[in-house]
Structures are given as C-alpha cells and as structure tokens.
C-alpha cells in the first residue's frame, strides 16, 4: 500500500470534506430610490446607506 510522501495540510483536508454550496448574497431594497443592493453596502444608484447620504453621486453631463 502506498504511503504519502508529504503531510496534507488541514486546509486541504477540510476542503475535501466540505459540501459547500455557493449562495447568492442577500439583497435589500433602498429606502431612498427603491433600487436593490447588497445588504450592509451603499446603494450604487443613489449613494445612500440606511437613510443617510454616504457617497455623493455626481450627474454626468
């Protein structure tokens, strides 16, 4: 029977044992503009986060 030449890392063993299923991030509806964005992030459309202006968006000319 064959013997391993090197020890397998804990990370490599754990990766083999997992049954990980990728999930989509949870989406929230912006209270300011109504667009959907990822939870705990600033809205990409208007720049608001939890009802307050976080990033000022400039209009393109």
PDB file of N, CA and C in Angstrom:
ATOM      1  N   UNK A   1       0.840  -1.188   0.000  1.00  0.00           N
ATOM      2  CA  UNK A   1       0.000   0.000   0.000  1.00  0.00           C
ATOM      3  C   UNK A   1       0.882   1.248   0.000  1.00  0.00           C
ATOM      4  N   UNK A   2       0.486   2.249  -0.766  1.00  0.00           N
ATOM      5  CA  UNK A   2       1.294   3.457  -0.914  1.00  0.00           C
ATOM      6  C   UNK A   2       1.200   4.335   0.326  1.00  0.00           C
ATOM      7  N   UNK A   3       2.304   5.030   0.630  1.00  0.00           N
ATOM      8  CA  UNK A   3       2.344   5.956   1.754  1.00  0.00           C
ATOM      9  C   UNK A   3       2.591   7.357   1.209  1.00  0.00           C
ATOM     10  N   UNK A   4       1.926   8.372   1.797  1.00  0.00           N
ATOM     11  CA  UNK A   4       2.149   9.739   1.329  1.00  0.00           C
ATOM     12  C   UNK A   4       3.550  10.225   1.685  1.00  0.00           C
ATOM     13  N   UNK A   5       4.161  10.942   0.750  1.00  0.00           N
ATOM     14  CA  UNK A   5       5.500  11.481   0.999  1.00  0.00           C
ATOM     15  C   UNK A   5       5.446  12.748   1.836  1.00  0.00           C
ATOM     16  N   UNK A   6       4.364  13.522   1.705  1.00  0.00           N
ATOM     17  CA  UNK A   6       4.221  14.764   2.449  1.00  0.00           C
ATOM     18  C   UNK A   6       2.880  14.764   3.175  1.00  0.00           C
ATOM     19  N   UNK A   7       2.858  15.476   4.289  1.00  0.00           N
ATOM     20  CA  UNK A   7       1.635  15.585   5.067  1.00  0.00           C
ATOM     21  C   UNK A   7       0.662  16.544   4.377  1.00  0.00           C
ATOM     22  N   UNK A   8      -0.602  16.190   4.328  1.00  0.00           N
ATOM     23  CA  UNK A   8      -1.602  17.092   3.779  1.00  0.00           C
ATOM     24  C   UNK A   8      -1.945  18.158   4.805  1.00  0.00           C
ATOM     25  N   UNK A   9      -2.113  19.395   4.338  1.00  0.00           N
ATOM     26  CA  UNK A   9      -2.447  20.491   5.240  1.00  0.00           C
ATOM     27  C   UNK A   9      -3.891  20.343   5.745  1.00  0.00           C
ATOM     28  N   UNK A  10      -4.177  21.002   6.862  1.00  0.00           N
ATOM     29  CA  UNK A  10      -5.526  20.971   7.427  1.00  0.00           C
ATOM     30  C   UNK A  10      -6.518  21.595   6.453  1.00  0.00           C
ATOM     31  N   UNK A  11      -6.067  22.653   5.774  1.00  0.00           N
ATOM     32  CA  UNK A  11      -6.943  23.348   4.825  1.00  0.00           C
ATOM     33  C   UNK A  11      -7.326  22.432   3.662  1.00  0.00           C
ATOM     34  N   UNK A  12      -6.365  21.695   3.155  1.00  0.00           N
ATOM     35  CA  UNK A  12      -6.638  20.807   2.030  1.00  0.00           C
ATOM     36  C   UNK A  12      -7.595  19.689   2.430  1.00  0.00           C
ATOM     37  N   UNK A  13      -7.408  19.143   3.633  1.00  0.00           N
ATOM     38  CA  UNK A  13      -8.303  18.091   4.120  1.00  0.00           C
ATOM     39  C   UNK A  13      -9.708  18.636   4.323  1.00  0.00           C
ATOM     40  N   UNK A  14      -9.802  19.827   4.877  1.00  0.00           N
ATOM     41  CA  UNK A  14     -11.107  20.436   5.143  1.00  0.00           C
ATOM     42  C   UNK A  14     -11.845  20.741   3.842  1.00  0.00           C
ATOM     43  N   UNK A  15     -11.113  21.180   2.813  1.00  0.00           N
ATOM     44  CA  UNK A  15     -11.734  21.464   1.520  1.00  0.00           C
ATOM     45  C   UNK A  15     -12.360  20.208   0.932  1.00  0.00           C
ATOM     46  N   UNK A  16     -11.687  19.091   1.105  1.00  0.00           N
ATOM     47  CA  UNK A  16     -12.193  17.831   0.557  1.00  0.00           C
ATOM     48  C   UNK A  16     -13.451  17.392   1.290  1.00  0.00           C
ATOM     49  N   UNK A  17     -13.508  17.664   2.587  1.00  0.00           N
ATOM     50  CA  UNK A  17     -14.626  17.188   3.393  1.00  0.00           C
ATOM     51  C   UNK A  17     -15.874  18.063   3.300  1.00  0.00           C
ATOM     52  N   UNK A  18     -15.729  19.289   2.876  1.00  0.00           N
ATOM     53  CA  UNK A  18     -16.883  20.194   2.870  1.00  0.00           C
ATOM     54  C   UNK A  18     -17.857  19.843   1.751  1.00  0.00           C
ATOM     55  N   UNK A  19     -19.071  20.247   1.978  1.00  0.00           N
ATOM     56  CA  UNK A  19     -20.112  20.131   0.951  1.00  0.00           C
ATOM     57  C   UNK A  19     -20.661  21.531   0.748  1.00  0.00           C
ATOM     58  N   UNK A  20     -19.762  22.438   0.389  1.00  0.00           N
ATOM     59  CA  UNK A  20     -20.070  23.855   0.278  1.00  0.00           C
ATOM     60  C   UNK A  20     -20.892  24.122  -0.968  1.00  0.00           C
ATOM     61  N   UNK A  21     -21.946  24.860  -0.796  1.00  0.00           N
ATOM     62  CA  UNK A  21     -22.771  25.301  -1.915  1.00  0.00           C
ATOM     63  C   UNK A  21     -22.752  26.826  -1.914  1.00  0.00           C
ATOM     64  N   UNK A  22     -22.334  27.425  -2.999  1.00  0.00           N
ATOM     65  CA  UNK A  22     -22.295  28.881  -3.097  1.00  0.00           C
ATOM     66  C   UNK A  22     -23.720  29.426  -3.097  1.00  0.00           C
ATOM     67  N   UNK A  23     -23.933  30.502  -2.363  1.00  0.00           N
ATOM     68  CA  UNK A  23     -25.246  31.127  -2.287  1.00  0.00           C
ATOM     69  C   UNK A  23     -25.158  32.563  -2.788  1.00  0.00           C
ATOM     70  N   UNK A  24     -26.244  33.044  -3.328  1.00  0.00           N
ATOM     71  CA  UNK A  24     -26.303  34.434  -3.767  1.00  0.00           C
ATOM     72  C   UNK A  24     -26.358  35.347  -2.546  1.00  0.00           C
ATOM     73  N   UNK A  25     -25.771  36.536  -2.623  1.00  0.00           N
ATOM     74  CA  UNK A  25     -25.840  37.456  -1.491  1.00  0.00           C
ATOM     75  C   UNK A  25     -27.267  37.956  -1.275  1.00  0.00           C
ATOM     76  N   UNK A  26     -27.596  38.258  -0.033  1.00  0.00           N
ATOM     77  CA  UNK A  26     -28.921  38.758   0.305  1.00  0.00           C
ATOM     78  C   UNK A  26     -29.063  40.185  -0.210  1.00  0.00           C
ATOM     79  N   UNK A  27     -30.171  40.452  -0.860  1.00  0.00           N
ATOM     80  CA  UNK A  27     -30.404  41.772  -1.425  1.00  0.00           C
ATOM     81  C   UNK A  27     -31.395  42.552  -0.577  1.00  0.00           C
ATOM     82  N   UNK A  28     -31.230  43.857  -0.560  1.00  0.00           N
ATOM     83  CA  UNK A  28     -32.118  44.760   0.161  1.00  0.00           C
ATOM     84  C   UNK A  28     -32.650  45.799  -0.821  1.00  0.00           C
ATOM     85  N   UNK A  29     -33.762  46.421  -0.454  1.00  0.00           N
ATOM     86  CA  UNK A  29     -34.350  47.485  -1.270  1.00  0.00           C
ATOM     87  C   UNK A  29     -33.972  48.814  -0.648  1.00  0.00           C
ATOM     88  N   UNK A  30     -33.445  49.717  -1.452  1.00  0.00           N
ATOM     89  CA  UNK A  30     -33.028  51.036  -0.981  1.00  0.00           C
ATOM     90  C   UNK A  30     -34.257  51.838  -0.551  1.00  0.00           C
ATOM     91  N   UNK A  31     -34.174  52.439   0.643  1.00  0.00           N
ATOM     92  CA  UNK A  31     -35.305  53.219   1.152  1.00  0.00           C
ATOM     93  C   UNK A  31     -35.423  54.564   0.445  1.00  0.00           C
ATOM     94  N   UNK A  32     -34.345  55.008  -0.212  1.00  0.00           N
ATOM     95  CA  UNK A  32     -34.357  56.309  -0.878  1.00  0.00           C
ATOM     96  C   UNK A  32     -34.861  56.214  -2.314  1.00  0.00           C
ATOM     97  N   UNK A  33     -34.268  55.301  -3.108  1.00  0.00           N
ATOM     98  CA  UNK A  33     -34.624  55.251  -4.531  1.00  0.00           C
ATOM     99  C   UNK A  33     -35.368  53.981  -4.933  1.00  0.00           C
ATOM    100  N   UNK A  34     -35.377  52.965  -4.086  1.00  0.00           N
ATOM    101  CA  UNK A  34     -36.111  51.741  -4.389  1.00  0.00           C
ATOM    102  C   UNK A  34     -35.321  50.706  -5.172  1.00  0.00           C
ATOM    103  N   UNK A  35     -34.065  50.979  -5.469  1.00  0.00           N
ATOM    104  CA  UNK A  35     -33.231  50.022  -6.200  1.00  0.00           C
ATOM    105  C   UNK A  35     -32.766  48.914  -5.244  1.00  0.00           C
ATOM    106  N   UNK A  36     -32.417  47.766  -5.791  1.00  0.00           N
ATOM    107  CA  UNK A  36     -31.898  46.679  -4.959  1.00  0.00           C
ATOM    108  C   UNK A  36     -30.382  46.785  -4.849  1.00  0.00           C
ATOM    109  N   UNK A  37     -29.870  46.466  -3.662  1.00  0.00           N
ATOM    110  CA  UNK A  37     -28.425  46.470  -3.417  1.00  0.00           C
ATOM    111  C   UNK A  37     -28.116  45.394  -2.402  1.00  0.00           C
ATOM    112  N   UNK A  38     -26.840  45.042  -2.248  1.00  0.00           N
ATOM    113  CA  UNK A  38     -26.426  44.025  -1.291  1.00  0.00           C
ATOM    114  C   UNK A  38     -26.541  44.595   0.120  1.00  0.00           C
ATOM    115  N   UNK A  39     -26.969  43.757   1.077  1.00  0.00           N
ATOM    116  CA  UNK A  39     -27.078  44.172   2.472  1.00  0.00           C
ATOM    117  C   UNK A  39     -25.764  44.754   2.973  1.00  0.00           C
ATOM    118  N   UNK A  40     -25.838  45.709   3.852  1.00  0.00           N
ATOM    119  CA  UNK A  40     -24.693  46.342   4.516  1.00  0.00           C
ATOM    120  C   UNK A  40     -23.752  47.029   3.537  1.00  0.00           C
ATOM    121  N   UNK A  41     -24.258  47.470   2.410  1.00  0.00           N
ATOM    122  CA  UNK A  41     -23.450  48.221   1.453  1.00  0.00           C
ATOM    123  C   UNK A  41     -24.217  49.460   1.010  1.00  0.00           C
ATOM    124  N   UNK A  42     -23.500  50.417   0.501  1.00  0.00           N
ATOM    125  CA  UNK A  42     -24.096  51.651  -0.008  1.00  0.00           C
ATOM    126  C   UNK A  42     -24.821  51.349  -1.316  1.00  0.00           C
ATOM    127  N   UNK A  43     -25.951  51.992  -1.530  1.00  0.00           N
ATOM    128  CA  UNK A  43     -26.714  51.826  -2.772  1.00  0.00           C
ATOM    129  C   UNK A  43     -25.896  52.389  -3.930  1.00  0.00           C
ATOM    130  N   UNK A  44     -25.753  51.624  -4.978  1.00  0.00           N
ATOM    131  CA  UNK A  44     -24.973  52.054  -6.125  1.00  0.00           C
ATOM    132  C   UNK A  44     -25.679  53.093  -6.981  1.00  0.00           C
ATOM    133  N   UNK A  45     -26.989  53.169  -6.862  1.00  0.00           N
ATOM    134  CA  UNK A  45     -27.753  54.111  -7.681  1.00  0.00           C
ATOM    135  C   UNK A  45     -27.737  55.523  -7.113  1.00  0.00           C
ATOM    136  N   UNK A  46     -27.998  55.646  -5.807  1.00  0.00           N
ATOM    137  CA  UNK A  46     -28.137  56.987  -5.223  1.00  0.00           C
ATOM    138  C   UNK A  46     -27.059  57.333  -4.193  1.00  0.00           C
ATOM    139  N   UNK A  47     -26.331  56.340  -3.678  1.00  0.00           N
ATOM    140  CA  UNK A  47     -25.269  56.610  -2.715  1.00  0.00           C
ATOM    141  C   UNK A  47     -25.733  56.703  -1.271  1.00  0.00           C
ATOM    142  N   UNK A  48     -26.956  56.268  -0.969  1.00  0.00           N
ATOM    143  CA  UNK A  48     -27.480  56.310   0.385  1.00  0.00           C
ATOM    144  C   UNK A  48     -27.240  54.978   1.090  1.00  0.00           C
ATOM    145  N   UNK A  49     -27.062  55.052   2.424  1.00  0.00           N
ATOM    146  CA  UNK A  49     -26.937  53.856   3.259  1.00  0.00           C
ATOM    147  C   UNK A  49     -27.724  54.087   4.528  1.00  0.00           C
ATOM    148  N   UNK A  50     -28.706  53.259   4.789  1.00  0.00           N
ATOM    149  CA  UNK A  50     -29.580  53.342   5.966  1.00  0.00           C
ATOM    150  C   UNK A  50     -30.219  54.714   6.110  1.00  0.00           C
ATOM    151  N   UNK A  51     -30.682  55.276   5.005  1.00  0.00           N
ATOM    152  CA  UNK A  51     -31.400  56.549   5.024  1.00  0.00           C
ATOM    153  C   UNK A  51     -30.539  57.789   5.068  1.00  0.00           C
ATOM    154  N   UNK A  52     -29.213  57.633   5.044  1.00  0.00           N
ATOM    155  CA  UNK A  52     -28.321  58.791   5.083  1.00  0.00           C
ATOM    156  C   UNK A  52     -27.419  58.783   3.856  1.00  0.00           C
ATOM    157  N   UNK A  53     -27.059  59.967   3.392  1.00  0.00           N
ATOM    158  CA  UNK A  53     -26.171  60.088   2.245  1.00  0.00           C
ATOM    159  C   UNK A  53     -24.765  59.661   2.650  1.00  0.00           C
ATOM    160  N   UNK A  54     -24.232  58.639   1.995  1.00  0.00           N
ATOM    161  CA  UNK A  54     -22.905  58.117   2.314  1.00  0.00           C
ATOM    162  C   UNK A  54     -21.893  58.552   1.254  1.00  0.00           C
ATOM    163  N   UNK A  55     -22.291  58.461  -0.008  1.00  0.00           N
ATOM    164  CA  UNK A  55     -21.417  58.843  -1.118  1.00  0.00           C
ATOM    165  C   UNK A  55     -22.200  59.783  -2.016  1.00  0.00           C
ATOM    166  N   UNK A  56     -21.620  60.944  -2.292  1.00  0.00           N
ATOM    167  CA  UNK A  56     -22.296  61.905  -3.152  1.00  0.00           C
ATOM    168  C   UNK A  56     -22.088  61.495  -4.604  1.00  0.00           C
ATOM    169  N   UNK A  57     -23.182  61.271  -5.311  1.00  0.00           N
ATOM    170  CA  UNK A  57     -23.124  60.877  -6.713  1.00  0.00           C
ATOM    171  C   UNK A  57     -23.222  62.128  -7.583  1.00  0.00           C
ATOM    172  N   UNK A  58     -22.361  62.228  -8.584  1.00  0.00           N
ATOM    173  CA  UNK A  58     -22.378  63.378  -9.490  1.00  0.00           C
ATOM    174  C   UNK A  58     -23.115  63.007 -10.771  1.00  0.00           C
ATOM    175  N   UNK A  59     -23.881  63.941 -11.265  1.00  0.00           N
ATOM    176  CA  UNK A  59     -24.603  63.728 -12.524  1.00  0.00           C
ATOM    177  C   UNK A  59     -23.643  63.859 -13.687  1.00  0.00           C
ATOM    178  N   UNK A  60     -23.729  62.925 -14.647  1.00  0.00           N
ATOM    179  CA  UNK A  60     -22.868  63.004 -15.821  1.00  0.00           C
ATOM    180  C   UNK A  60     -23.453  63.981 -16.816  1.00  0.00           C
ATOM    181  N   UNK A  61     -22.599  64.801 -17.401  1.00  0.00           N
ATOM    182  CA  UNK A  61     -23.046  65.838 -18.326  1.00  0.00           C
ATOM    183  C   UNK A  61     -22.832  65.386 -19.743  1.00  0.00           C
TER     184      UNK A  61
END
